N, C-alpha and C. Protein backbone atom coordinates (compact mmCIF):
# COMPACT_ATOMS: atom_id res chain seq x y z
N MET A 1 183.38 87.67 77.44
CA MET A 1 182.16 86.77 76.97
C MET A 1 182.53 85.50 76.87
N ASN A 2 181.28 84.66 77.58
CA ASN A 2 181.94 82.72 77.52
C ASN A 2 180.80 82.12 76.28
N VAL A 3 181.03 81.87 75.43
CA VAL A 3 180.62 81.85 74.46
C VAL A 3 180.77 80.65 74.58
N MET A 4 179.19 79.85 74.65
CA MET A 4 178.86 78.14 74.43
C MET A 4 178.22 77.48 72.94
N LEU A 5 178.76 76.59 73.17
CA LEU A 5 178.18 76.02 71.19
C LEU A 5 177.34 74.92 71.80
N SER A 6 176.33 74.75 70.84
CA SER A 6 175.59 73.94 71.05
C SER A 6 175.56 72.44 70.26
N PHE A 7 175.85 71.47 70.04
CA PHE A 7 176.18 70.55 68.81
C PHE A 7 175.81 69.51 69.12
N VAL A 8 175.32 68.27 68.11
CA VAL A 8 174.14 67.82 67.89
C VAL A 8 175.01 66.65 66.61
N ILE A 9 175.26 65.39 67.49
CA ILE A 9 175.50 64.13 66.46
C ILE A 9 174.24 63.11 66.32
N ILE A 10 173.79 62.48 65.11
CA ILE A 10 172.84 61.66 65.25
C ILE A 10 173.06 60.58 64.20
N ALA A 11 172.90 59.77 64.80
CA ALA A 11 173.10 58.57 64.08
C ALA A 11 172.21 57.06 63.85
N ALA A 12 172.18 56.80 62.58
CA ALA A 12 171.07 55.84 62.45
C ALA A 12 171.37 54.05 63.34
N ILE A 13 170.67 53.77 63.89
CA ILE A 13 171.25 52.29 64.27
C ILE A 13 169.69 51.44 63.69
N SER A 14 170.08 49.97 63.81
CA SER A 14 169.06 49.40 63.41
C SER A 14 167.88 49.11 64.17
N ALA A 15 167.81 49.24 65.11
CA ALA A 15 166.38 49.76 66.07
C ALA A 15 166.25 50.69 66.86
N ALA A 16 167.23 51.74 66.31
CA ALA A 16 167.04 53.08 67.26
C ALA A 16 167.97 53.94 65.99
N SER A 17 167.97 55.29 66.53
CA SER A 17 169.13 56.21 66.36
C SER A 17 169.54 56.74 67.56
N PHE A 18 170.70 57.73 67.62
CA PHE A 18 170.86 58.24 68.81
C PHE A 18 171.51 59.77 68.71
N TYR A 19 171.62 60.53 69.91
CA TYR A 19 171.59 62.15 69.20
C TYR A 19 172.34 62.33 70.83
N THR A 20 173.37 63.08 69.81
CA THR A 20 174.60 63.43 70.80
C THR A 20 174.04 64.69 71.26
N VAL A 21 173.69 65.15 72.02
CA VAL A 21 173.27 66.77 72.11
C VAL A 21 174.03 67.85 73.14
N PHE A 22 175.08 69.09 72.60
CA PHE A 22 175.52 69.70 73.18
C PHE A 22 174.89 71.04 73.57
N ILE A 23 174.26 71.76 74.59
CA ILE A 23 173.25 72.53 75.19
C ILE A 23 173.94 73.48 75.09
N ILE A 24 173.29 74.73 75.24
CA ILE A 24 173.90 76.33 75.35
C ILE A 24 173.53 76.39 77.27
N GLY A 25 174.55 76.86 77.75
CA GLY A 25 174.01 77.18 79.30
C GLY A 25 174.85 76.69 80.33
N LYS A 26 175.31 75.59 80.24
CA LYS A 26 175.81 74.62 81.34
C LYS A 26 177.19 75.49 81.58
N PRO A 27 177.82 75.28 82.48
CA PRO A 27 179.70 75.15 82.39
C PRO A 27 180.22 74.87 81.90
N ALA A 28 181.23 74.97 81.44
CA ALA A 28 181.86 74.87 80.31
C ALA A 28 183.05 74.15 80.65
N ILE A 29 183.58 73.25 79.51
CA ILE A 29 184.42 72.25 80.27
C ILE A 29 185.48 72.48 79.66
N ASP A 30 186.92 71.61 79.28
CA ASP A 30 187.98 72.05 79.24
C ASP A 30 187.83 70.87 77.48
N SER A 31 188.17 71.93 76.51
CA SER A 31 188.16 71.22 75.00
C SER A 31 189.13 70.28 75.07
N ALA A 32 190.04 69.51 75.92
CA ALA A 32 191.07 67.85 75.38
C ALA A 32 189.34 67.26 75.89
N GLU A 33 189.08 67.71 77.44
CA GLU A 33 188.45 66.49 78.08
C GLU A 33 187.20 66.84 77.26
N ALA A 34 186.54 67.81 76.40
CA ALA A 34 185.27 67.41 75.84
C ALA A 34 185.56 66.23 74.83
N ALA A 35 186.47 66.69 73.78
CA ALA A 35 186.95 65.94 73.01
C ALA A 35 187.07 64.75 73.09
N VAL A 36 187.75 63.69 74.18
CA VAL A 36 187.15 62.55 74.92
C VAL A 36 186.16 61.97 75.31
N THR A 37 185.58 63.13 75.64
CA THR A 37 184.02 62.58 76.11
C THR A 37 183.40 61.91 75.00
N ILE A 38 183.25 63.02 74.00
CA ILE A 38 182.79 63.16 72.68
C ILE A 38 182.96 61.55 72.26
N ARG A 39 184.22 61.42 72.26
CA ARG A 39 184.90 60.41 71.24
C ARG A 39 184.27 58.76 72.13
N ASP A 40 184.26 58.86 73.30
CA ASP A 40 183.16 57.93 74.00
C ASP A 40 182.47 58.02 73.79
N ALA A 41 181.83 58.90 74.05
CA ALA A 41 179.96 58.21 73.34
C ALA A 41 179.69 57.92 71.65
N GLU A 42 180.65 58.32 71.43
CA GLU A 42 180.34 57.56 69.95
C GLU A 42 180.77 56.51 70.12
N SER A 43 181.89 56.26 70.51
CA SER A 43 182.30 54.58 70.21
C SER A 43 181.25 53.19 71.20
N PHE A 44 180.96 53.99 72.60
CA PHE A 44 179.89 53.61 72.93
C PHE A 44 178.84 53.55 72.19
N LEU A 45 178.44 54.11 71.18
CA LEU A 45 176.74 54.48 70.85
C LEU A 45 176.95 53.31 69.32
N LYS A 46 178.63 53.37 68.88
CA LYS A 46 178.54 52.34 67.69
C LYS A 46 178.64 51.25 68.14
N SER A 47 179.20 50.66 69.71
CA SER A 47 179.65 49.12 69.75
C SER A 47 177.94 48.83 69.75
N LEU A 48 177.05 49.97 70.40
CA LEU A 48 175.90 49.77 70.65
C LEU A 48 175.06 49.09 69.12
N ASP A 49 175.24 49.81 68.33
CA ASP A 49 174.57 49.66 66.76
C ASP A 49 175.08 48.34 66.75
N ASN A 50 175.95 47.62 66.76
CA ASN A 50 176.94 46.86 66.28
C ASN A 50 176.27 45.29 67.07
N GLN A 51 176.19 45.71 68.51
CA GLN A 51 175.04 44.23 68.68
C GLN A 51 173.94 44.04 68.60
N ILE A 52 173.13 45.61 67.90
CA ILE A 52 171.73 45.68 67.60
C ILE A 52 171.71 44.54 66.04
N ASN A 53 172.44 45.09 65.10
CA ASN A 53 172.91 44.31 63.67
C ASN A 53 173.11 42.97 64.00
N GLU A 54 173.58 42.67 65.09
CA GLU A 54 174.39 41.47 65.48
C GLU A 54 172.91 40.49 65.44
N VAL A 55 172.06 40.83 66.40
CA VAL A 55 171.04 40.44 67.32
C VAL A 55 169.67 40.96 65.72
N ASN A 56 169.79 41.44 65.19
CA ASN A 56 168.94 42.03 64.16
C ASN A 56 169.26 40.57 62.88
N ALA A 57 170.38 40.78 62.44
CA ALA A 57 170.17 39.34 61.46
C ALA A 57 170.52 37.98 61.98
N GLU A 58 170.46 37.72 63.13
CA GLU A 58 170.57 36.32 63.76
C GLU A 58 168.59 35.99 63.59
N GLY A 59 168.28 36.86 63.77
CA GLY A 59 166.64 36.44 62.94
C GLY A 59 165.76 36.57 64.81
N LEU A 60 164.49 36.06 64.53
CA LEU A 60 162.93 36.13 65.69
C LEU A 60 163.97 35.27 66.59
N GLY A 61 163.56 35.85 68.02
CA GLY A 61 163.89 35.19 69.61
C GLY A 61 165.95 35.57 69.72
N SER A 62 166.40 35.89 69.06
CA SER A 62 168.04 36.23 69.44
C SER A 62 167.60 37.32 70.26
N ARG A 63 168.83 37.26 71.20
CA ARG A 63 168.84 38.41 72.42
C ARG A 63 170.06 38.31 72.75
N ARG A 64 170.45 39.83 73.05
CA ARG A 64 172.22 39.50 73.87
C ARG A 64 171.84 40.54 75.00
N ILE A 65 172.87 40.24 76.13
CA ILE A 65 172.93 40.84 76.98
C ILE A 65 174.58 41.98 76.77
N PHE A 66 173.90 43.09 76.89
CA PHE A 66 175.14 44.37 76.75
C PHE A 66 175.68 44.88 77.69
N PRO A 67 176.80 44.38 79.02
CA PRO A 67 176.71 45.33 79.84
C PRO A 67 177.79 46.21 79.44
N PHE A 68 177.29 47.10 80.04
CA PHE A 68 178.40 48.90 79.79
C PHE A 68 178.34 50.03 81.06
N SER A 69 179.32 50.29 81.50
CA SER A 69 179.65 51.57 82.05
C SER A 69 179.73 53.11 81.24
N VAL A 70 178.90 53.98 82.11
CA VAL A 70 178.99 54.97 81.42
C VAL A 70 179.30 56.07 82.17
N ALA A 71 180.35 57.40 82.68
CA ALA A 71 180.60 58.65 83.50
C ALA A 71 179.18 59.48 82.90
N ASP A 72 178.76 59.62 81.72
CA ASP A 72 177.89 60.37 81.53
C ASP A 72 176.34 59.70 81.81
N ARG A 73 175.59 60.95 81.41
CA ARG A 73 173.93 60.62 81.46
C ARG A 73 173.62 59.80 80.38
N TYR A 74 172.79 58.99 79.96
CA TYR A 74 172.53 58.84 78.43
C TYR A 74 170.78 58.58 78.93
N ASP A 75 169.83 59.97 78.12
CA ASP A 75 168.27 59.48 78.20
C ASP A 75 167.57 58.90 76.69
N ILE A 76 166.64 58.21 77.41
CA ILE A 76 165.94 57.09 76.50
C ILE A 76 164.51 58.02 75.86
N SER A 77 164.51 58.01 74.23
CA SER A 77 163.23 58.90 73.98
C SER A 77 162.71 57.89 73.28
N GLU A 78 161.38 57.95 73.88
CA GLU A 78 160.60 56.72 73.25
C GLU A 78 159.78 56.73 71.90
N GLU A 79 159.23 58.23 72.11
CA GLU A 79 158.69 58.59 70.60
C GLU A 79 159.70 58.09 69.43
N ASP A 80 160.93 58.58 69.68
CA ASP A 80 162.00 57.90 67.98
C ASP A 80 162.55 57.07 67.94
N ASP A 81 163.29 56.33 69.34
CA ASP A 81 163.17 55.74 69.88
C ASP A 81 164.80 55.51 69.71
N SER A 82 165.26 56.52 70.40
CA SER A 82 166.42 57.29 70.36
C SER A 82 167.17 57.49 71.72
N ILE A 83 168.48 57.16 72.06
CA ILE A 83 169.19 57.45 73.07
C ILE A 83 169.81 59.27 72.87
N VAL A 84 169.56 60.00 74.34
CA VAL A 84 170.37 61.43 74.14
C VAL A 84 171.36 61.27 75.38
N TYR A 85 172.26 62.21 74.33
CA TYR A 85 173.80 62.17 75.45
C TYR A 85 173.59 63.82 75.08
N GLU A 86 174.15 64.76 76.62
CA GLU A 86 174.15 65.94 76.24
C GLU A 86 175.34 66.05 76.47
N LYS A 87 176.17 67.33 76.28
CA LYS A 87 177.48 68.10 76.89
C LYS A 87 177.76 69.52 76.29
N THR A 88 177.89 70.21 76.94
CA THR A 88 178.39 71.97 76.69
C THR A 88 179.86 71.79 76.34
N VAL A 89 179.93 71.74 74.63
CA VAL A 89 181.67 72.68 74.38
C VAL A 89 181.49 73.92 74.35
N LYS A 90 183.10 74.23 74.61
CA LYS A 90 183.76 75.65 73.58
C LYS A 90 183.76 75.61 72.35
N PRO A 91 183.52 76.81 71.46
CA PRO A 91 182.92 77.02 70.02
C PRO A 91 184.18 76.46 69.19
N GLU A 92 185.24 76.71 69.83
CA GLU A 92 186.53 76.28 68.97
C GLU A 92 186.79 74.84 68.57
N ILE A 93 185.74 74.11 69.58
CA ILE A 93 185.89 72.68 69.00
C ILE A 93 184.99 72.45 67.70
N PHE A 94 184.38 72.92 67.52
CA PHE A 94 183.25 72.69 66.23
C PHE A 94 183.36 73.78 65.73
N GLU A 95 183.12 73.63 63.97
CA GLU A 95 182.57 74.75 62.81
C GLU A 95 181.04 75.26 63.49
N TYR A 96 180.97 76.26 63.86
CA TYR A 96 179.65 76.29 64.09
C TYR A 96 178.34 76.94 62.55
N GLN A 97 176.94 76.00 63.38
CA GLN A 97 176.53 76.12 62.01
C GLN A 97 177.02 75.53 60.72
N SER A 98 177.58 73.95 61.12
CA SER A 98 177.72 73.63 60.19
C SER A 98 177.18 71.96 60.10
N SER A 99 177.35 71.20 59.38
CA SER A 99 176.44 69.83 59.35
C SER A 99 176.88 69.12 58.26
N VAL A 100 176.95 68.06 58.21
CA VAL A 100 178.03 66.20 57.59
C VAL A 100 177.10 65.38 58.00
N ILE A 101 176.33 64.63 56.70
CA ILE A 101 175.48 63.28 56.69
C ILE A 101 176.55 62.76 56.09
N SER A 102 176.67 61.09 56.75
CA SER A 102 177.09 60.25 56.37
C SER A 102 176.60 59.26 56.50
N GLU A 103 176.70 58.02 56.13
CA GLU A 103 176.00 56.71 56.10
C GLU A 103 174.54 56.61 57.18
N ASN A 104 175.34 56.84 57.88
CA ASN A 104 174.56 56.64 59.49
C ASN A 104 174.91 57.30 60.23
N MET A 105 175.11 58.75 60.04
CA MET A 105 175.79 59.74 60.73
C MET A 105 175.11 61.32 60.29
N VAL A 106 174.42 61.71 61.18
CA VAL A 106 174.66 63.26 61.10
C VAL A 106 175.08 63.96 62.04
N VAL A 107 176.15 65.00 61.61
CA VAL A 107 176.57 66.08 62.64
C VAL A 107 176.46 66.96 62.16
N VAL A 108 175.70 68.03 63.64
CA VAL A 108 175.27 69.21 63.44
C VAL A 108 175.35 70.03 64.51
N SER A 109 176.49 71.34 64.03
CA SER A 109 176.15 72.12 65.52
C SER A 109 175.62 73.18 65.13
N GLY A 110 174.91 74.31 66.79
CA GLY A 110 174.21 74.74 65.73
C GLY A 110 172.72 74.57 67.22
N SER A 111 172.03 75.77 67.20
CA SER A 111 170.96 75.61 68.44
C SER A 111 170.05 76.28 67.87
N SER A 112 169.84 76.72 66.09
CA SER A 112 168.66 77.93 66.34
C SER A 112 167.47 77.35 65.63
N VAL A 113 166.80 76.07 65.97
CA VAL A 113 165.24 75.81 65.15
C VAL A 113 164.42 75.67 66.10
N ASP A 114 163.20 76.48 66.14
CA ASP A 114 162.76 76.83 66.97
C ASP A 114 160.94 75.57 66.64
N CYS A 115 160.58 74.86 67.79
CA CYS A 115 159.37 73.94 67.45
C CYS A 115 157.99 73.96 67.83
N PHE A 116 157.34 74.50 67.24
CA PHE A 116 156.07 75.33 67.96
C PHE A 116 154.86 74.55 67.13
N GLU A 117 153.44 74.90 67.43
CA GLU A 117 152.38 74.77 67.29
C GLU A 117 151.23 75.90 66.85
N GLU A 118 150.90 76.46 66.03
CA GLU A 118 150.21 77.76 65.60
C GLU A 118 149.17 77.17 65.00
N GLU A 119 147.72 77.31 65.56
CA GLU A 119 146.43 77.68 64.77
C GLU A 119 146.58 76.23 63.66
N GLY A 120 146.38 75.18 64.47
CA GLY A 120 145.90 74.16 63.97
C GLY A 120 147.09 73.75 62.64
N THR A 121 148.36 73.91 63.18
CA THR A 121 149.22 73.69 62.39
C THR A 121 150.94 73.35 63.15
N LEU A 122 151.53 71.83 62.45
CA LEU A 122 152.77 72.15 62.83
C LEU A 122 154.02 72.64 62.25
N VAL A 123 155.15 73.78 63.34
CA VAL A 123 155.82 74.76 62.52
C VAL A 123 157.48 74.20 63.14
N MET A 124 158.33 74.13 61.88
CA MET A 124 159.17 74.21 62.23
C MET A 124 160.59 75.11 61.56
N GLU A 125 161.14 75.81 62.41
CA GLU A 125 161.69 77.00 61.79
C GLU A 125 163.23 76.67 62.47
N ASN A 126 164.46 77.44 61.34
CA ASN A 126 166.02 77.74 61.40
C ASN A 126 165.95 79.20 60.73
N PRO A 127 167.27 79.46 60.83
CA PRO A 127 167.29 80.38 60.06
C PRO A 127 167.29 80.48 58.64
N PHE A 128 167.30 79.44 57.85
CA PHE A 128 167.40 78.77 56.59
C PHE A 128 165.77 78.52 55.78
N ILE A 129 164.68 77.95 56.73
CA ILE A 129 163.81 78.03 56.16
C ILE A 129 162.39 77.52 56.95
N LEU A 130 161.30 77.96 56.72
CA LEU A 130 160.01 77.41 57.80
C LEU A 130 158.84 76.23 56.94
N ALA A 131 158.92 75.57 57.78
CA ALA A 131 158.31 74.15 57.07
C ALA A 131 156.90 74.39 58.27
N VAL A 132 155.61 74.07 57.10
CA VAL A 132 154.41 74.09 58.34
C VAL A 132 153.74 72.99 57.57
N PHE A 133 153.58 72.01 58.43
CA PHE A 133 152.45 70.82 58.65
C PHE A 133 151.07 71.14 59.28
N ARG A 134 150.34 70.01 58.63
CA ARG A 134 148.98 70.26 59.18
C ARG A 134 148.85 69.26 60.28
N LYS A 135 148.57 69.82 61.43
CA LYS A 135 148.20 69.12 62.59
C LYS A 135 146.86 68.42 62.66
N ILE A 136 147.10 66.80 63.44
CA ILE A 136 146.27 65.75 62.80
C ILE A 136 146.11 65.26 64.45
N ALA A 137 145.20 65.58 65.29
CA ALA A 137 145.21 65.22 66.89
C ALA A 137 145.01 63.85 66.82
N LYS A 138 146.22 63.32 67.97
CA LYS A 138 146.07 61.68 68.24
C LYS A 138 144.59 62.02 69.37
N THR A 139 143.85 61.10 68.86
CA THR A 139 142.01 60.84 69.05
C THR A 139 142.18 59.22 69.44
N SER A 140 140.83 58.87 69.90
CA SER A 140 140.46 57.45 70.28
C SER A 140 139.16 57.53 69.36
N PRO A 141 138.29 57.43 68.18
CA PRO A 141 139.73 56.43 67.44
C PRO A 141 140.40 57.84 66.99
N LEU A 142 141.43 56.94 65.66
CA LEU A 142 142.25 58.04 65.08
C LEU A 142 141.34 58.64 64.12
N GLY A 143 141.79 59.62 63.76
CA GLY A 143 141.23 60.31 62.87
C GLY A 143 141.44 60.52 61.33
N VAL A 144 141.32 60.85 60.62
CA VAL A 144 141.38 60.40 58.84
C VAL A 144 142.83 61.46 58.34
N ILE A 145 143.67 60.91 58.07
CA ILE A 145 144.88 60.94 57.90
C ILE A 145 144.90 61.04 56.37
N LEU A 146 145.45 62.25 55.34
CA LEU A 146 145.86 61.58 54.14
C LEU A 146 147.40 62.66 54.14
N THR A 147 148.11 61.75 54.05
CA THR A 147 149.47 62.28 53.66
C THR A 147 150.16 63.05 52.77
N ASN A 148 148.75 62.96 51.28
CA ASN A 148 149.24 64.54 50.43
C ASN A 148 148.95 65.83 50.82
N GLU A 149 148.54 65.98 51.90
CA GLU A 149 147.76 66.85 52.56
C GLU A 149 148.66 67.26 53.63
N THR A 150 149.79 66.50 53.83
CA THR A 150 150.40 66.77 55.18
C THR A 150 151.23 67.59 55.09
N VAL A 151 152.14 68.28 54.52
CA VAL A 151 152.99 69.21 53.97
C VAL A 151 152.27 70.16 53.40
N ILE A 152 151.73 70.83 54.26
CA ILE A 152 151.35 72.48 53.73
C ILE A 152 152.31 73.54 53.08
N SER A 153 153.27 74.13 53.41
CA SER A 153 154.20 74.66 52.98
C SER A 153 155.99 75.04 53.51
N LEU A 154 156.65 75.15 52.28
CA LEU A 154 158.01 75.21 52.91
C LEU A 154 158.51 76.65 52.46
N LYS A 155 159.10 77.69 53.49
CA LYS A 155 159.58 78.95 52.74
C LYS A 155 161.20 79.12 53.01
N GLU A 156 161.89 78.93 51.85
CA GLU A 156 163.20 79.90 51.81
C GLU A 156 163.16 81.52 52.01
N LYS A 157 163.92 81.18 53.44
CA LYS A 157 163.97 82.53 54.21
C LYS A 157 164.46 83.86 53.42
N ALA A 158 165.84 83.48 53.15
CA ALA A 158 166.67 84.43 52.58
C ALA A 158 166.26 84.81 51.09
N GLY A 159 165.79 84.65 50.27
CA GLY A 159 164.85 84.83 49.39
C GLY A 159 163.73 84.92 49.19
N GLY A 160 162.92 84.81 50.45
CA GLY A 160 161.02 84.89 50.49
C GLY A 160 161.00 84.14 49.67
N SER A 161 160.83 83.03 48.80
CA SER A 161 160.50 81.81 47.82
C SER A 161 159.76 81.05 48.74
N MET A 162 158.54 80.99 48.41
CA MET A 162 157.47 80.44 49.53
C MET A 162 157.41 78.92 48.37
N LEU A 163 156.64 77.50 48.86
CA LEU A 163 156.73 76.57 48.01
C LEU A 163 155.34 75.80 48.70
N ASN A 164 154.36 75.82 48.00
CA ASN A 164 152.66 75.48 48.50
C ASN A 164 152.96 74.05 47.67
N PHE A 165 152.74 73.05 48.48
CA PHE A 165 152.51 71.53 48.07
C PHE A 165 151.23 71.48 48.09
N SER A 166 151.05 70.94 46.60
CA SER A 166 149.66 70.09 46.35
C SER A 166 149.57 68.36 46.63
N ASP A 167 150.77 68.67 47.03
CA ASP A 167 150.76 66.56 46.76
C ASP A 167 151.91 66.24 47.81
N SER A 168 151.83 66.32 48.76
CA SER A 168 153.22 65.39 49.65
C SER A 168 152.95 63.97 49.80
N GLY A 169 152.32 62.85 48.98
CA GLY A 169 151.65 61.93 49.24
C GLY A 169 153.08 61.16 50.08
N ILE A 170 152.74 59.92 50.81
CA ILE A 170 153.40 58.55 50.35
C ILE A 170 152.97 57.26 49.96
N VAL A 171 153.83 57.12 49.25
CA VAL A 171 153.03 55.39 48.69
C VAL A 171 154.55 54.75 48.76
N ILE A 172 153.65 52.99 49.77
CA ILE A 172 154.64 52.44 49.54
C ILE A 172 154.34 51.10 48.82
N ASP A 173 155.23 50.90 48.24
CA ASP A 173 155.11 49.42 47.20
C ASP A 173 154.24 49.97 46.10
N ASN A 174 153.81 50.60 45.59
CA ASN A 174 153.09 51.20 44.68
C ASN A 174 151.54 50.63 44.72
N ASN A 175 152.01 51.25 45.89
CA ASN A 175 149.78 50.75 46.51
C ASN A 175 149.72 52.11 46.81
N ALA A 176 148.62 52.64 46.27
CA ALA A 176 147.64 54.25 46.46
C ALA A 176 147.56 53.98 47.59
N THR A 177 146.61 53.08 48.06
CA THR A 177 145.94 53.19 49.36
C THR A 177 146.74 53.07 50.60
N SER A 178 148.12 53.51 50.27
CA SER A 178 149.07 53.10 51.72
C SER A 178 148.74 54.64 51.78
N SER A 179 148.89 55.59 50.79
CA SER A 179 148.92 57.08 51.24
C SER A 179 147.68 57.50 52.00
N TYR A 180 147.05 57.08 52.49
CA TYR A 180 145.84 57.42 53.28
C TYR A 180 145.66 56.67 54.54
N GLY A 181 144.42 57.32 55.46
CA GLY A 181 144.27 55.72 56.30
C GLY A 181 143.62 56.62 57.26
N THR A 182 143.81 56.27 58.69
CA THR A 182 143.81 56.85 59.76
C THR A 182 144.97 57.25 60.88
N GLY A 183 145.17 58.46 61.81
CA GLY A 183 146.70 58.34 62.30
C GLY A 183 146.35 59.37 62.77
N TYR A 184 147.86 60.47 63.32
CA TYR A 184 147.87 61.85 63.50
C TYR A 184 149.45 62.42 63.01
N THR A 185 149.35 63.27 63.62
CA THR A 185 151.20 63.88 63.63
C THR A 185 150.77 64.77 64.97
N GLU A 186 152.40 64.80 65.30
CA GLU A 186 152.64 66.04 66.05
C GLU A 186 154.16 66.19 66.13
N VAL A 187 154.77 67.33 67.13
CA VAL A 187 155.51 68.36 66.90
C VAL A 187 156.43 66.99 68.20
N LEU A 188 157.43 66.22 68.23
CA LEU A 188 158.36 65.31 69.24
C LEU A 188 158.27 66.23 70.66
N LYS A 189 159.37 67.49 69.94
CA LYS A 189 159.09 68.12 71.50
C LYS A 189 159.55 69.53 70.61
N VAL A 190 158.70 70.09 71.72
CA VAL A 190 158.26 71.70 71.31
C VAL A 190 159.18 72.52 72.08
N GLY A 191 159.95 73.77 71.48
CA GLY A 191 160.90 74.41 72.09
C GLY A 191 161.28 75.33 71.55
N LYS A 192 162.42 75.95 71.65
CA LYS A 192 162.82 77.46 71.03
C LYS A 192 164.29 77.23 71.14
N ASP A 193 165.22 77.57 69.99
CA ASP A 193 166.79 77.53 70.20
C ASP A 193 167.07 75.82 70.56
N LYS A 194 167.20 74.69 69.82
CA LYS A 194 166.68 73.39 69.47
C LYS A 194 167.85 73.23 68.55
N PRO A 195 168.74 71.93 69.25
CA PRO A 195 169.41 71.81 67.69
C PRO A 195 169.04 70.92 66.78
N PHE A 196 167.80 70.28 66.37
CA PHE A 196 166.61 69.95 65.32
C PHE A 196 165.36 69.69 66.13
N CYS A 197 164.42 69.72 64.88
CA CYS A 197 163.28 69.39 65.71
C CYS A 197 162.69 68.09 64.17
N THR A 198 161.72 67.39 65.32
CA THR A 198 161.35 66.71 64.29
C THR A 198 159.84 66.62 64.22
N VAL A 199 158.71 66.41 63.28
CA VAL A 199 157.58 66.45 63.27
C VAL A 199 157.09 64.86 63.10
N HIS A 200 156.50 64.05 63.85
CA HIS A 200 156.03 62.71 63.43
C HIS A 200 155.14 62.34 63.18
N MET A 201 154.24 61.28 62.15
CA MET A 201 153.11 61.19 61.46
C MET A 201 153.17 59.49 61.54
N PHE A 202 152.26 59.08 62.40
CA PHE A 202 151.79 57.50 62.16
C PHE A 202 150.73 57.66 61.53
N VAL A 203 150.66 56.35 60.48
CA VAL A 203 149.71 56.64 59.21
C VAL A 203 149.28 54.80 59.76
N ASN A 204 147.77 54.34 59.68
CA ASN A 204 147.20 53.06 59.68
C ASN A 204 146.38 53.37 58.36
N SER A 205 147.26 52.86 57.25
CA SER A 205 146.46 52.34 56.54
C SER A 205 146.31 51.40 55.83
N THR A 206 145.88 50.77 54.16
CA THR A 206 145.24 49.31 54.15
C THR A 206 146.96 49.15 52.67
N PRO A 207 147.76 48.29 52.99
CA PRO A 207 147.58 47.09 53.90
C PRO A 207 148.90 47.53 54.85
N PHE A 208 149.37 49.24 54.89
CA PHE A 208 150.52 49.39 55.89
C PHE A 208 150.11 49.47 57.04
N ILE A 209 151.00 49.84 58.03
CA ILE A 209 151.04 50.75 59.35
C ILE A 209 152.72 51.72 59.20
N TYR A 210 152.85 52.80 59.13
CA TYR A 210 153.98 52.92 59.53
C TYR A 210 154.23 54.43 60.12
N ASP A 211 155.50 55.15 60.34
CA ASP A 211 155.33 56.34 60.95
C ASP A 211 156.81 57.45 60.18
N VAL A 212 156.21 57.90 59.80
CA VAL A 212 156.98 58.82 59.30
C VAL A 212 157.53 60.03 59.88
N PHE A 213 159.23 60.17 60.00
CA PHE A 213 159.73 61.52 60.73
C PHE A 213 160.33 62.55 59.71
N TYR A 214 160.14 63.81 60.05
CA TYR A 214 160.47 64.99 58.91
C TYR A 214 161.44 65.76 60.16
N THR A 215 162.68 65.82 60.04
CA THR A 215 163.03 66.56 60.64
C THR A 215 164.00 67.67 60.23
N LEU A 216 163.99 68.69 60.27
CA LEU A 216 164.70 69.61 60.28
C LEU A 216 166.11 70.18 61.23
N TYR A 217 167.48 70.37 61.19
CA TYR A 217 168.74 70.56 62.10
C TYR A 217 168.80 72.17 61.47
N SER A 218 169.72 72.81 62.86
CA SER A 218 169.92 73.78 63.01
C SER A 218 170.69 74.45 62.04
N SER A 219 171.97 73.42 61.09
CA SER A 219 171.81 74.06 60.31
C SER A 219 171.83 74.04 58.81
N SER A 220 171.01 73.28 58.46
CA SER A 220 170.11 72.95 57.32
C SER A 220 169.22 73.60 56.44
N ASP A 221 169.28 74.30 55.31
CA ASP A 221 168.35 74.28 54.52
C ASP A 221 167.64 73.49 53.55
N PHE A 222 166.85 72.46 54.12
CA PHE A 222 166.36 71.02 53.60
C PHE A 222 165.91 70.21 55.29
N ILE A 223 164.75 69.74 54.53
CA ILE A 223 163.86 69.01 55.98
C ILE A 223 164.60 67.34 55.62
N VAL A 224 164.76 66.25 56.19
CA VAL A 224 164.68 65.07 55.82
C VAL A 224 163.89 64.02 56.25
N ALA A 225 163.15 64.00 55.22
CA ALA A 225 162.15 62.57 55.53
C ALA A 225 162.70 61.18 55.38
N ASP A 226 162.14 60.34 56.98
CA ASP A 226 162.20 58.94 57.17
C ASP A 226 161.31 58.37 57.29
N ILE A 227 160.94 57.54 56.62
CA ILE A 227 159.38 56.58 56.87
C ILE A 227 160.33 55.25 57.77
N ARG A 228 159.93 54.64 58.37
CA ARG A 228 160.43 53.37 59.11
C ARG A 228 159.26 52.55 59.65
N ASN A 229 159.43 51.65 60.50
CA ASN A 229 158.27 50.62 61.32
C ASN A 229 157.45 50.42 60.22
N ILE A 230 157.73 50.27 59.06
CA ILE A 230 156.71 49.41 58.07
C ILE A 230 156.24 48.03 58.68
N ARG A 231 154.82 48.08 58.12
CA ARG A 231 154.30 46.92 59.22
C ARG A 231 153.11 46.55 58.35
């Protein structure tokens, strides 16, 4: 039996994060070759990170021309400003269902997350937890959003413990009005057997506009909440 492994590397970059995703189902490549291509992808994206940091430090109006050549395909995800790189590897290269989180990078192996919509909710589920979020449709004009009602529940599947949230509110700079306004919530990529899943919440409050990304990884028994683009 030829078992394939799904593997994801996620690294935060100043203006974007990147994903190196290895998906089940494609022809296997040699282990040594896989290791080389992974290192090449990581090196390229770290170089891009450095260029972004330099431009950011130089201030408004600064720019860079960043010439590069890559052998594999990189996809750009506009939803969360990411670059996606995919490759299939044999399971002996990485420990299955493991995760490592460092300062600007998350390394996750496995593809056990399901992301879907159900009866007015957004659901993220892996072998460890099931998280339910309130769905607020993206309309014109935007509907009312209350961040203290966004996260509905979190279930720990092994023991069956259920946590129902009475307040999941987000407050910026101790300004209570930043916790509500208009906006929407969405699952960025609906699907089954994924390396990770993200629920995006957009909030237009007074006086802030911002995005929140709730992410569940295949091997994690926790959810990462990342507040970005505060303006």
